[in-house]
């Protein structure tokens, strides 16, 4: 998940994503886009953004349907 500090949408999305990931035994890695100039330029205002195996799942709000479609166990 790409995020930034003091982002309420990021906090909300993380709160929704965490139980989904935990139920599947998946870690949630949170990356602060402001910590890297390249990430900041690439993602700008497109946070929060959920990335799964290099593919953007959603940004702004959690899209559980898209996440389920793209998640492949194993």
N, C-alpha and C. Protein backbone atom coordinates (compact mmCIF):
# COMPACT_ATOMS: atom_id res chain seq x y z
N UNK A 1 0.84 -1.16 0.00
CA UNK A 1 0.00 0.00 0.00
C UNK A 1 0.89 1.23 0.00
N UNK A 2 0.65 2.14 -0.93
CA UNK A 2 1.36 3.41 -0.96
C UNK A 2 0.53 4.43 -0.21
N UNK A 3 1.18 5.17 0.65
CA UNK A 3 0.50 6.04 1.60
C UNK A 3 1.35 7.27 1.86
N UNK A 4 0.84 8.14 2.73
CA UNK A 4 1.65 9.25 3.25
C UNK A 4 1.14 9.58 4.64
N UNK A 5 2.00 10.24 5.40
CA UNK A 5 1.63 10.61 6.76
C UNK A 5 0.48 11.61 6.75
N UNK A 6 -0.28 11.60 7.82
CA UNK A 6 -1.39 12.53 8.03
C UNK A 6 -2.41 12.46 6.90
N UNK A 7 -2.67 11.27 6.39
CA UNK A 7 -3.64 11.06 5.31
C UNK A 7 -4.80 10.24 5.88
N UNK A 8 -5.93 10.87 6.08
CA UNK A 8 -7.07 10.16 6.66
C UNK A 8 -7.58 9.05 5.76
N UNK A 9 -7.61 9.29 4.44
CA UNK A 9 -8.03 8.24 3.53
C UNK A 9 -7.10 7.03 3.61
N UNK A 10 -5.81 7.31 3.77
CA UNK A 10 -4.82 6.23 3.91
C UNK A 10 -5.10 5.41 5.16
N UNK A 11 -5.38 6.09 6.26
CA UNK A 11 -5.68 5.41 7.52
C UNK A 11 -6.94 4.55 7.39
N UNK A 12 -7.95 5.08 6.73
CA UNK A 12 -9.20 4.35 6.54
C UNK A 12 -8.99 3.12 5.67
N UNK A 13 -8.27 3.29 4.57
CA UNK A 13 -8.04 2.16 3.68
C UNK A 13 -7.23 1.08 4.38
N UNK A 14 -6.21 1.48 5.12
CA UNK A 14 -5.39 0.51 5.85
C UNK A 14 -6.23 -0.26 6.86
N UNK A 15 -7.14 0.43 7.54
CA UNK A 15 -8.02 -0.23 8.52
C UNK A 15 -8.93 -1.26 7.85
N UNK A 16 -9.32 -1.02 6.60
CA UNK A 16 -10.15 -1.98 5.87
C UNK A 16 -9.31 -3.10 5.26
N UNK A 17 -8.13 -2.76 4.79
CA UNK A 17 -7.27 -3.74 4.11
C UNK A 17 -6.65 -4.74 5.08
N UNK A 18 -6.28 -4.30 6.26
CA UNK A 18 -5.57 -5.15 7.21
C UNK A 18 -6.32 -6.43 7.56
N UNK A 19 -7.61 -6.39 7.91
CA UNK A 19 -8.29 -7.66 8.22
C UNK A 19 -8.42 -8.58 7.00
N UNK A 20 -8.62 -8.00 5.82
CA UNK A 20 -8.70 -8.80 4.59
C UNK A 20 -7.39 -9.56 4.40
N UNK A 21 -6.28 -8.85 4.51
CA UNK A 21 -4.96 -9.45 4.33
C UNK A 21 -4.67 -10.48 5.42
N UNK A 22 -4.99 -10.17 6.65
CA UNK A 22 -4.74 -11.08 7.77
C UNK A 22 -5.50 -12.39 7.59
N UNK A 23 -6.72 -12.32 7.10
CA UNK A 23 -7.53 -13.52 6.89
C UNK A 23 -6.92 -14.44 5.84
N UNK A 24 -6.05 -13.89 5.00
CA UNK A 24 -5.41 -14.67 3.95
C UNK A 24 -3.93 -14.93 4.23
N UNK A 25 -3.48 -14.51 5.41
CA UNK A 25 -2.10 -14.71 5.79
C UNK A 25 -1.12 -13.83 5.01
N UNK A 26 -1.59 -12.69 4.54
CA UNK A 26 -0.76 -11.80 3.75
C UNK A 26 -0.29 -10.61 4.58
N UNK A 27 0.95 -10.20 4.41
CA UNK A 27 1.41 -8.99 5.09
C UNK A 27 0.93 -7.74 4.34
N UNK A 28 0.79 -6.66 5.04
CA UNK A 28 0.50 -5.38 4.42
C UNK A 28 1.74 -4.51 4.59
N UNK A 29 2.37 -4.20 3.50
CA UNK A 29 3.54 -3.35 3.51
C UNK A 29 3.08 -1.93 3.16
N UNK A 30 3.36 -0.99 4.06
CA UNK A 30 2.96 0.40 3.83
C UNK A 30 4.21 1.18 3.46
N UNK A 31 4.16 1.83 2.29
CA UNK A 31 5.28 2.61 1.79
C UNK A 31 4.86 4.07 1.75
N UNK A 32 5.65 4.92 2.41
CA UNK A 32 5.39 6.36 2.43
C UNK A 32 5.94 6.95 1.13
N UNK A 33 5.06 7.44 0.26
CA UNK A 33 5.50 7.97 -1.03
C UNK A 33 6.38 9.20 -0.87
N UNK A 34 6.23 9.91 0.23
CA UNK A 34 7.02 11.11 0.45
C UNK A 34 8.45 10.80 0.87
N UNK A 35 8.75 9.53 1.12
CA UNK A 35 10.09 9.15 1.55
C UNK A 35 11.05 9.00 0.36
N UNK A 36 10.52 9.05 -0.84
CA UNK A 36 11.33 8.84 -2.03
C UNK A 36 10.85 9.77 -3.14
N UNK A 37 11.72 10.60 -3.69
CA UNK A 37 11.30 11.55 -4.73
C UNK A 37 10.67 10.89 -5.96
N UNK A 38 11.16 9.70 -6.31
CA UNK A 38 10.59 9.01 -7.46
C UNK A 38 9.17 8.55 -7.17
N UNK A 39 8.96 7.98 -5.99
CA UNK A 39 7.60 7.56 -5.60
C UNK A 39 6.68 8.76 -5.49
N UNK A 40 7.18 9.84 -4.93
CA UNK A 40 6.36 11.04 -4.78
C UNK A 40 5.93 11.56 -6.15
N UNK A 41 6.83 11.55 -7.10
CA UNK A 41 6.50 12.02 -8.45
C UNK A 41 5.55 11.04 -9.14
N UNK A 42 5.78 9.74 -8.95
CA UNK A 42 4.97 8.73 -9.62
C UNK A 42 3.53 8.70 -9.09
N UNK A 43 3.39 8.78 -7.76
CA UNK A 43 2.06 8.60 -7.16
C UNK A 43 1.40 9.91 -6.75
N UNK A 44 2.18 10.96 -6.52
CA UNK A 44 1.62 12.28 -6.21
C UNK A 44 0.43 12.23 -5.28
N UNK A 45 -0.72 12.60 -5.83
CA UNK A 45 -1.95 12.62 -5.03
C UNK A 45 -2.73 11.31 -5.13
N UNK A 46 -2.20 10.32 -5.82
CA UNK A 46 -2.90 9.04 -5.97
C UNK A 46 -2.62 8.11 -4.80
N UNK A 47 -2.87 8.61 -3.60
CA UNK A 47 -2.74 7.81 -2.40
C UNK A 47 -4.04 7.94 -1.62
N UNK A 48 -4.41 6.91 -0.92
CA UNK A 48 -3.76 5.62 -0.81
C UNK A 48 -3.93 4.81 -2.11
N UNK A 49 -2.96 3.98 -2.36
CA UNK A 49 -2.97 3.12 -3.54
C UNK A 49 -2.59 1.72 -3.10
N UNK A 50 -3.39 0.75 -3.51
CA UNK A 50 -3.10 -0.65 -3.19
C UNK A 50 -2.51 -1.30 -4.42
N UNK A 51 -1.35 -1.91 -4.23
CA UNK A 51 -0.62 -2.59 -5.29
C UNK A 51 -0.49 -4.05 -4.87
N UNK A 52 -0.79 -4.94 -5.78
CA UNK A 52 -0.68 -6.37 -5.49
C UNK A 52 0.19 -6.99 -6.57
N UNK A 53 1.38 -7.41 -6.19
CA UNK A 53 2.33 -8.04 -7.12
C UNK A 53 2.62 -7.15 -8.32
N UNK A 54 2.78 -5.86 -8.07
CA UNK A 54 3.13 -4.92 -9.14
C UNK A 54 1.96 -4.39 -9.94
N UNK A 55 0.77 -4.78 -9.59
CA UNK A 55 -0.42 -4.33 -10.31
C UNK A 55 -1.28 -3.45 -9.39
N UNK A 56 -1.65 -2.28 -9.89
CA UNK A 56 -2.50 -1.39 -9.11
C UNK A 56 -3.89 -2.00 -9.00
N UNK A 57 -4.35 -2.14 -7.77
CA UNK A 57 -5.68 -2.69 -7.51
C UNK A 57 -6.69 -1.55 -7.43
N UNK A 58 -6.36 -0.53 -6.66
CA UNK A 58 -7.27 0.60 -6.48
C UNK A 58 -6.53 1.74 -5.81
N UNK A 59 -7.11 2.93 -5.90
CA UNK A 59 -6.58 4.04 -5.13
C UNK A 59 -7.73 4.90 -4.66
N UNK A 60 -7.50 5.58 -3.55
CA UNK A 60 -8.55 6.41 -2.94
C UNK A 60 -9.38 5.63 -1.95
N UNK A 61 -10.03 4.59 -2.43
CA UNK A 61 -10.88 3.76 -1.58
C UNK A 61 -10.62 2.30 -1.92
N UNK A 62 -10.79 1.43 -0.95
CA UNK A 62 -10.55 0.00 -1.15
C UNK A 62 -11.63 -0.59 -2.04
N UNK A 63 -11.22 -1.30 -3.07
CA UNK A 63 -12.12 -2.01 -3.97
C UNK A 63 -11.92 -3.50 -3.71
N UNK A 64 -12.74 -4.03 -2.83
CA UNK A 64 -12.60 -5.45 -2.45
C UNK A 64 -12.84 -6.39 -3.62
N UNK A 65 -13.75 -6.04 -4.52
CA UNK A 65 -14.01 -6.90 -5.68
C UNK A 65 -12.77 -7.01 -6.55
N UNK A 66 -12.13 -5.88 -6.82
CA UNK A 66 -10.90 -5.89 -7.63
C UNK A 66 -9.79 -6.65 -6.91
N UNK A 67 -9.69 -6.46 -5.61
CA UNK A 67 -8.67 -7.14 -4.82
C UNK A 67 -8.87 -8.65 -4.88
N UNK A 68 -10.08 -9.11 -4.73
CA UNK A 68 -10.38 -10.55 -4.80
C UNK A 68 -10.07 -11.10 -6.18
N UNK A 69 -10.39 -10.34 -7.23
CA UNK A 69 -10.12 -10.79 -8.59
C UNK A 69 -8.63 -10.95 -8.85
N UNK A 70 -7.82 -10.04 -8.33
CA UNK A 70 -6.39 -10.04 -8.62
C UNK A 70 -5.57 -10.92 -7.68
N UNK A 71 -6.13 -11.25 -6.52
CA UNK A 71 -5.41 -12.06 -5.54
C UNK A 71 -5.39 -13.51 -5.99
N UNK A 72 -4.19 -14.07 -6.02
CA UNK A 72 -4.03 -15.46 -6.42
C UNK A 72 -3.24 -16.18 -5.33
N UNK A 73 -3.92 -17.04 -4.56
CA UNK A 73 -3.21 -17.74 -3.49
C UNK A 73 -2.14 -18.68 -4.05
N UNK A 74 -1.13 -18.85 -3.21
CA UNK A 74 -0.14 -19.85 -3.51
C UNK A 74 1.08 -19.36 -4.15
